[in-house]
Amino acid sequence: MRFETQGSKTIVLIDTDGSSGRGRAVSFLTLKNISATALNNAKNFALIRTTITSIEYLYCY
């Protein structure tokens, strides 16, 4: 996964076979008014695992 900035938008790109594979990254999400710098900062995210279900949630602050 990597991020590219286009004006006030940040594009989230996914490369399913990794950077060393033959495939290329494709657009997955377009986010408005969120910088790639903010997305690269781990302090902006918290990974929480619940004990009620096996679902993991990713929260962005």
C-alpha atoms as a PDB file:
ATOM      1  CA  MET A   1       0.000   0.000   0.000  1.00  0.00           C
ATOM      2  CA  ARG A   2       1.225   3.484  -0.765  1.00  0.00           C
ATOM      3  CA  PHE A   3      -0.169   6.995  -0.965  1.00  0.00           C
ATOM      4  CA  GLU A   4       0.015   9.624  -3.704  1.00  0.00           C
ATOM      5  CA  THR A   5      -1.075  13.229  -3.420  1.00  0.00           C
ATOM      6  CA  GLN A   6      -3.044  14.868  -6.222  1.00  0.00           C
ATOM      7  CA  GLY A   7      -3.977  18.419  -5.249  1.00  0.00           C
ATOM      8  CA  SER A   8      -6.128  18.231  -2.093  1.00  0.00           C
ATOM      9  CA  LYS A   9      -6.768  14.509  -2.618  1.00  0.00           C
ATOM     10  CA  THR A  10      -4.742  11.521  -1.491  1.00  0.00           C
ATOM     11  CA  ILE A  11      -4.935   8.331  -3.520  1.00  0.00           C
ATOM     12  CA  VAL A  12      -4.471   5.015  -1.678  1.00  0.00           C
ATOM     13  CA  LEU A  13      -2.842   2.503  -4.018  1.00  0.00           C
ATOM     14  CA  ILE A  14      -2.685  -1.262  -3.447  1.00  0.00           C
ATOM     15  CA  ASP A  15      -0.092  -3.550  -5.021  1.00  0.00           C
ATOM     16  CA  THR A  16      -1.350  -7.108  -4.499  1.00  0.00           C
ATOM     17  CA  ASP A  17       1.960  -8.805  -5.290  1.00  0.00           C
ATOM     18  CA  GLY A  18       4.161  -6.308  -3.462  1.00  0.00           C
ATOM     19  CA  SER A  19       6.746  -3.882  -4.736  1.00  0.00           C
ATOM     20  CA  SER A  20       9.021  -6.673  -6.016  1.00  0.00           C
ATOM     21  CA  GLY A  21       6.278  -8.405  -8.027  1.00  0.00           C
ATOM     22  CA  ARG A  22       5.436  -7.886 -11.688  1.00  0.00           C
ATOM     23  CA  GLY A  23       2.037  -6.291 -11.020  1.00  0.00           C
ATOM     24  CA  ARG A  24       1.564  -2.589 -10.492  1.00  0.00           C
ATOM     25  CA  ALA A  25      -0.236  -0.633  -7.818  1.00  0.00           C
ATOM     26  CA  VAL A  26      -3.837   0.305  -8.587  1.00  0.00           C
ATOM     27  CA  SER A  27      -6.073   2.969  -7.045  1.00  0.00           C
ATOM     28  CA  PHE A  28      -8.115   1.668  -4.120  1.00  0.00           C
ATOM     29  CA  LEU A  29      -9.454   4.812  -2.412  1.00  0.00           C
ATOM     30  CA  THR A  30      -9.521   8.542  -3.079  1.00  0.00           C
ATOM     31  CA  LEU A  31      -9.547  10.637   0.085  1.00  0.00           C
ATOM     32  CA  LYS A  32     -10.356  14.351   0.067  1.00  0.00           C
ATOM     33  CA  ASN A  33      -8.591  16.843   2.333  1.00  0.00           C
ATOM     34  CA  ILE A  34      -6.359  14.217   3.972  1.00  0.00           C
ATOM     35  CA  SER A  35      -2.631  14.420   3.356  1.00  0.00           C
ATOM     36  CA  ALA A  36      -0.395  11.472   2.576  1.00  0.00           C
ATOM     37  CA  THR A  37       1.793  12.679   5.455  1.00  0.00           C
ATOM     38  CA  ALA A  38      -1.084  12.221   7.919  1.00  0.00           C
ATOM     39  CA  LEU A  39      -1.756   8.725   6.574  1.00  0.00           C
ATOM     40  CA  ASN A  40       1.912   7.792   6.961  1.00  0.00           C
ATOM     41  CA  ASN A  41       1.916   8.839  10.638  1.00  0.00           C
ATOM     42  CA  ALA A  42       1.153   5.791  12.807  1.00  0.00           C
ATOM     43  CA  LYS A  43       0.146   8.078  15.697  1.00  0.00           C
ATOM     44  CA  ASN A  44      -3.040   8.936  13.767  1.00  0.00           C
ATOM     45  CA  PHE A  45      -4.313   5.348  13.928  1.00  0.00           C
ATOM     46  CA  ALA A  46      -5.252   2.813  16.579  1.00  0.00           C
ATOM     47  CA  LEU A  47      -5.844  -0.868  15.884  1.00  0.00           C
ATOM     48  CA  ILE A  48      -8.378  -2.311  18.281  1.00  0.00           C
ATOM     49  CA  ARG A  49      -9.265  -5.996  18.528  1.00  0.00           C
ATOM     50  CA  THR A  50     -12.528  -6.817  20.236  1.00  0.00           C
ATOM     51  CA  THR A  51     -13.041  -9.951  22.306  1.00  0.00           C
ATOM     52  CA  ILE A  52     -16.734 -10.211  21.410  1.00  0.00           C
ATOM     53  CA  THR A  53     -16.031 -10.937  17.751  1.00  0.00           C
ATOM     54  CA  SER A  54     -12.956 -11.673  15.705  1.00  0.00           C
ATOM     55  CA  ILE A  55     -13.350  -8.423  13.775  1.00  0.00           C
ATOM     56  CA  GLU A  56     -10.557  -5.865  13.928  1.00  0.00           C
ATOM     57  CA  TYR A  57     -11.338  -2.176  13.598  1.00  0.00           C
ATOM     58  CA  LEU A  58      -9.059   0.560  12.349  1.00  0.00           C
ATOM     59  CA  TYR A  59      -9.857   4.008  13.674  1.00  0.00           C
ATOM     60  CA  CYS A  60      -8.436   7.202  12.230  1.00  0.00           C
ATOM     61  CA  TYR A  61      -8.286  10.222  14.522  1.00  0.00           C
END
